[in-house]
Structures are given as C-alpha cells and as structure tokens.
Amino acid sequence: LRIHYYPIIGAKKGVREVIHVITDITERQKARQQIEYLASVVRHSQDAIIATDLDCRVTSWNKAAERIFGYKEKEAVGRIIDIIVPEEQRKSCHLSVEEISTGGTVSRQEPKRHTQDGRLIDADLSFSPIKDSEGNTIGASFIARDVTYQKELEAKLLQAHKMESIGTLAGGIAHDFNNLLMGIQGYTSLMLLSLDTSHPHY
C-alpha cells in the first residue's frame, strides 16, 4: 500500500484533521518486479543482447555485448549498429531490420562482426521485433553469441578428417603399387639367377 497524508488546517492555523489517501499498488509492484527481473536476465546473459530502433540506432547494450564487442554501453547507445557490422554486410543487416519492421521474420544467421579493436569474429545471430503496448513494431532485438572458437575447432576437425582420408587413400595406393612391385621383383630375381654379374642386363 502507498499512503499519503494531507493535513486540513483549521481557523486558528492548527491541523484540524488529516486526510489519509491509501492506494493499492500491488499490481504496480508486481509489474515493477517483473521488469526488474527481465532487466536482470538481459544484464547477466552470456549472450550479447542489443536493441535498436527502426533506424538501426542502438538503444540497449548489455554487459555481454561490452565483453564480446569491446564497446562500453555509453559508447554504443545512440550509434548506428554499423559500428560492429563489416561494410559488405551492412546492407543485409539494415534489410533484416526493415523486414522485421514490416512484420516479416528473419532466420538465424552466422555473419562476421567487428570488435572495437578491429578483430573479425563469427557470430551466431538471431533477430526478433520489439513491440510497444499496442503491438506496433518499434525496433529490433539482436541476440549474438561469439562462436569463433567453435568455428576454428570445426575447421581443424574438418582438416583432420581430410588428412585421414588422404592417408587412407595413400595407403590403398601404396598397397596396390606394392602388389605390382612384387611381381616385378620376382621376375627380376629369377633373371638375376641366370645372369653373370658382368652382363649388361645384370
């Protein structure tokens, strides 16, 4: 409950009565707690959660976004999302926001993204619309995970599989070639038995 007190001043300028205004704020408190809970989820997420308006200007930037991309919240909010998007992918990124703004959907992507120090990282990226209380789309939400290390491991594993396949192929070829050599070596040995060491064929 929220209680406000309003004094009523009498003729002799003394407090004659006090009006108590009591407001039930239970639902308001529940709503505030829900907002605080959701804010905490965003704040402590291990994935970068970034919100933009429909002009691709950053409106929200969580701690994970700071850690992954290097920009502090105060450095990113208010700037166009292009600060982390490679030039050749900016058109595609803006089109994704435009698609969301018209009610469309954007599938998950795995684009490259820039960090503040100039590195390129692989990102697992998903998009979703941000709507107001009336259901109008007012922005876009990006959830990004740095998968650079996983991509490097996948590439190394693929290379290892390729090398294993090449090794198997080489082993098979060597085995077949050895079978041919056995025949050649056998005939050569027989020829040497009937030749003198001074003979040109020897």
Protein backbone atom coordinates (compact mmCIF):
# COMPACT_ATOMS: atom_id res chain seq x y z
CA LEU A 1 0.00 0.00 0.00
CA ARG A 2 1.03 3.61 -0.56
CA ILE A 3 -0.29 6.15 1.94
CA HIS A 4 -0.30 9.93 1.55
CA TYR A 5 -1.21 12.30 4.38
CA TYR A 6 -2.84 15.68 3.72
CA PRO A 7 -3.41 17.98 6.72
CA ILE A 8 -6.50 20.18 6.94
CA ILE A 9 -5.70 23.48 8.61
CA GLY A 10 -8.34 24.95 10.92
CA ALA A 11 -9.32 28.60 11.54
CA LYS A 12 -6.58 29.02 14.15
CA LYS A 13 -3.99 27.71 11.69
CA GLY A 14 -3.67 24.42 13.51
CA VAL A 15 -4.10 21.00 11.98
CA ARG A 16 -7.74 20.15 12.45
CA GLU A 17 -7.86 16.86 10.50
CA VAL A 18 -5.62 14.65 8.40
CA ILE A 19 -6.81 13.05 5.18
CA HIS A 20 -5.30 9.62 4.52
CA VAL A 21 -5.17 8.61 0.85
CA ILE A 22 -4.44 4.89 0.57
CA THR A 23 -3.60 3.40 -2.82
CA ASP A 24 -3.30 -0.29 -3.58
CA ILE A 25 -0.09 -0.60 -5.60
CA THR A 26 0.16 -4.39 -5.52
CA GLU A 27 -0.15 -4.80 -9.30
CA ARG A 28 2.23 -1.91 -9.89
CA GLN A 29 4.79 -3.54 -7.61
CA LYS A 30 4.38 -6.88 -9.38
CA ALA A 31 4.89 -5.16 -12.73
CA ARG A 32 7.99 -3.40 -11.43
CA GLN A 33 9.40 -6.66 -10.07
CA GLN A 34 8.77 -8.34 -13.41
CA ILE A 35 10.56 -5.52 -15.23
CA GLU A 36 13.49 -5.72 -12.79
CA TYR A 37 13.64 -9.49 -13.27
CA LEU A 38 13.70 -9.22 -17.06
CA ALA A 39 16.30 -6.45 -16.86
CA SER A 40 18.46 -8.71 -14.68
CA VAL A 41 18.15 -11.55 -17.21
CA VAL A 42 19.31 -9.25 -20.00
CA ARG A 43 22.05 -7.72 -17.87
CA HIS A 44 23.56 -11.05 -16.80
CA SER A 45 23.09 -13.01 -20.04
CA GLN A 46 26.25 -14.56 -21.50
CA ASP A 47 24.96 -13.66 -24.97
CA ALA A 48 25.12 -10.13 -26.34
CA ILE A 49 21.60 -8.65 -26.32
CA ILE A 50 21.36 -5.49 -28.39
CA ALA A 51 18.28 -3.44 -29.20
CA THR A 52 17.94 -0.87 -31.97
CA ASP A 53 15.21 1.42 -33.21
CA LEU A 54 13.93 1.08 -36.77
CA ASP A 55 16.74 3.35 -38.00
CA CYS A 56 19.27 0.78 -36.71
CA ARG A 57 20.36 3.10 -33.89
CA VAL A 58 21.40 1.23 -30.73
CA THR A 59 19.02 1.75 -27.80
CA SER A 60 20.20 -1.01 -25.47
CA TRP A 61 23.57 -2.76 -25.00
CA ASN A 62 24.13 -5.33 -22.26
CA LYS A 63 27.29 -6.39 -20.39
CA ALA A 64 27.90 -9.39 -22.68
CA ALA A 65 27.83 -7.04 -25.70
CA GLU A 66 30.52 -4.98 -23.95
CA ARG A 67 32.63 -8.11 -23.38
CA ILE A 68 32.19 -9.55 -26.89
CA PHE A 69 32.45 -6.39 -29.00
CA GLY A 70 34.59 -4.17 -26.75
CA TYR A 71 32.36 -1.08 -26.77
CA LYS A 72 31.06 0.17 -23.43
CA GLU A 73 27.31 0.80 -23.20
CA LYS A 74 27.77 4.59 -23.23
CA GLU A 75 29.95 4.28 -26.36
CA ALA A 76 27.42 2.15 -28.27
CA VAL A 77 23.99 3.54 -27.31
CA GLY A 78 22.88 6.19 -29.77
CA ARG A 79 25.16 4.99 -32.55
CA ILE A 80 24.20 3.09 -35.69
CA ILE A 81 24.66 -0.70 -35.40
CA ASP A 82 27.19 -0.41 -38.26
CA ILE A 83 29.95 0.02 -35.66
CA ILE A 84 30.07 -3.80 -35.37
CA VAL A 85 28.94 -4.74 -38.90
CA PRO A 86 31.53 -5.19 -41.68
CA GLU A 87 30.91 -2.80 -44.57
CA GLU A 88 29.98 -5.54 -47.04
CA GLN A 89 27.27 -6.86 -44.67
CA ARG A 90 25.67 -3.56 -43.63
CA LYS A 91 23.06 -3.56 -46.39
CA SER A 92 21.95 -7.06 -45.39
CA CYS A 93 21.76 -6.04 -41.71
CA HIS A 94 19.61 -2.98 -42.48
CA LEU A 95 17.35 -5.05 -44.72
CA SER A 96 16.84 -7.50 -41.84
CA VAL A 97 15.64 -4.67 -39.58
CA GLU A 98 13.41 -3.40 -42.38
CA GLU A 99 11.97 -6.90 -42.83
CA ILE A 100 11.16 -7.07 -39.11
CA SER A 101 9.58 -3.60 -39.15
CA THR A 102 7.08 -4.72 -41.82
CA GLY A 103 6.05 -7.82 -39.90
CA GLY A 104 8.37 -10.26 -41.60
CA THR A 105 10.70 -12.75 -39.97
CA VAL A 106 14.44 -13.17 -40.28
CA SER A 107 16.08 -16.55 -39.97
CA ARG A 108 19.08 -17.20 -37.80
CA GLN A 109 22.35 -16.08 -39.33
CA GLU A 110 26.05 -16.66 -38.75
CA PRO A 111 27.68 -13.47 -40.05
CA LYS A 112 31.02 -11.86 -39.32
CA ARG A 113 31.08 -8.99 -36.84
CA HIS A 114 33.68 -6.35 -35.94
CA THR A 115 35.05 -5.75 -32.46
CA GLN A 116 36.27 -2.37 -31.26
CA ASP A 117 39.91 -3.45 -31.64
CA GLY A 118 39.38 -4.39 -35.29
CA ARG A 119 39.09 -8.17 -34.98
CA LEU A 120 36.55 -10.12 -37.03
CA ILE A 121 34.57 -12.71 -35.10
CA ASP A 122 31.99 -15.30 -36.11
CA ALA A 123 28.60 -14.61 -34.54
CA ASP A 124 25.56 -16.83 -34.13
CA LEU A 125 22.85 -14.18 -34.55
CA SER A 126 19.08 -14.17 -34.12
CA PHE A 127 16.62 -11.33 -34.67
CA SER A 128 13.25 -10.51 -33.14
CA PRO A 129 10.92 -7.50 -33.20
CA ILE A 130 10.44 -5.13 -30.27
CA LYS A 131 6.79 -4.09 -29.93
CA ASP A 132 5.04 -1.40 -27.93
CA SER A 133 1.94 -1.91 -25.76
CA GLU A 134 -0.29 -1.61 -28.84
CA GLY A 135 1.59 -4.25 -30.80
CA ASN A 136 3.41 -1.88 -33.13
CA THR A 137 6.98 -2.78 -34.03
CA ILE A 138 9.27 -0.06 -32.71
CA GLY A 139 12.65 -1.73 -33.01
CA ALA A 140 14.67 -4.89 -33.35
CA SER A 141 16.44 -7.11 -30.86
CA PHE A 142 19.67 -8.90 -31.73
CA ILE A 143 20.97 -11.82 -29.68
CA ALA A 144 24.55 -12.64 -30.62
CA ARG A 145 26.94 -15.33 -29.46
CA ASP A 146 30.65 -15.39 -30.29
CA VAL A 147 31.24 -18.77 -31.98
CA THR A 148 34.72 -18.00 -33.36
CA TYR A 149 36.41 -20.67 -31.23
CA GLN A 150 33.83 -23.31 -32.19
CA LYS A 151 34.29 -22.44 -35.88
CA GLU A 152 38.05 -22.80 -35.55
CA LEU A 153 37.62 -26.21 -33.90
CA GLU A 154 35.23 -27.30 -36.67
CA ALA A 155 37.74 -26.20 -39.32
CA LYS A 156 40.55 -28.13 -37.59
CA LEU A 157 38.34 -31.21 -37.27
CA LEU A 158 37.40 -31.00 -40.95
CA GLN A 159 41.08 -30.68 -41.87
CA ALA A 160 41.91 -33.70 -39.70
CA HIS A 161 39.19 -35.73 -41.46
CA LYS A 162 40.58 -34.66 -44.84
CA MET A 163 44.09 -35.69 -43.84
CA GLU A 164 42.80 -39.01 -42.54
CA SER A 165 41.01 -39.62 -45.85
CA ILE A 166 44.16 -38.71 -47.79
CA GLY A 167 46.18 -41.07 -45.57
CA THR A 168 43.72 -43.91 -46.21
CA LEU A 169 43.82 -43.24 -49.95
CA ALA A 170 47.62 -43.09 -49.97
CA GLY A 171 47.79 -46.34 -48.00
CA GLY A 172 45.50 -48.04 -50.51
CA ILE A 173 47.52 -46.80 -53.48
CA ALA A 174 50.77 -47.90 -51.80
CA HIS A 175 49.31 -51.36 -51.19
CA ASP A 176 48.22 -51.72 -54.84
CA PHE A 177 51.56 -50.43 -56.11
CA ASN A 178 53.39 -52.83 -53.80
CA ASN A 179 51.44 -55.72 -55.37
CA LEU A 180 52.77 -54.64 -58.79
CA LEU A 181 56.29 -54.33 -57.43
CA MET A 182 56.17 -57.88 -56.00
CA GLY A 183 55.71 -59.27 -59.50
CA ILE A 184 58.49 -57.11 -60.90
CA GLN A 185 60.82 -58.05 -58.06
CA GLY A 186 60.04 -61.76 -58.52
CA TYR A 187 60.83 -61.76 -62.24
CA THR A 188 63.95 -59.68 -61.63
CA SER A 189 65.19 -62.15 -59.03
CA LEU A 190 64.69 -65.05 -61.46
CA MET A 191 66.57 -63.19 -64.21
CA LEU A 192 69.49 -62.47 -61.89
CA LEU A 193 69.89 -66.19 -61.15
CA SER A 194 70.77 -66.88 -64.79
CA LEU A 195 72.94 -63.80 -65.44
CA ASP A 196 76.60 -63.23 -64.77
CA THR A 197 77.41 -60.14 -62.74
CA SER A 198 79.35 -58.80 -65.70
CA HIS A 199 76.36 -58.99 -68.06
CA PRO A 200 74.81 -55.59 -69.05
CA HIS A 201 71.30 -56.82 -68.08
CA TYR A 202 72.56 -57.61 -64.57
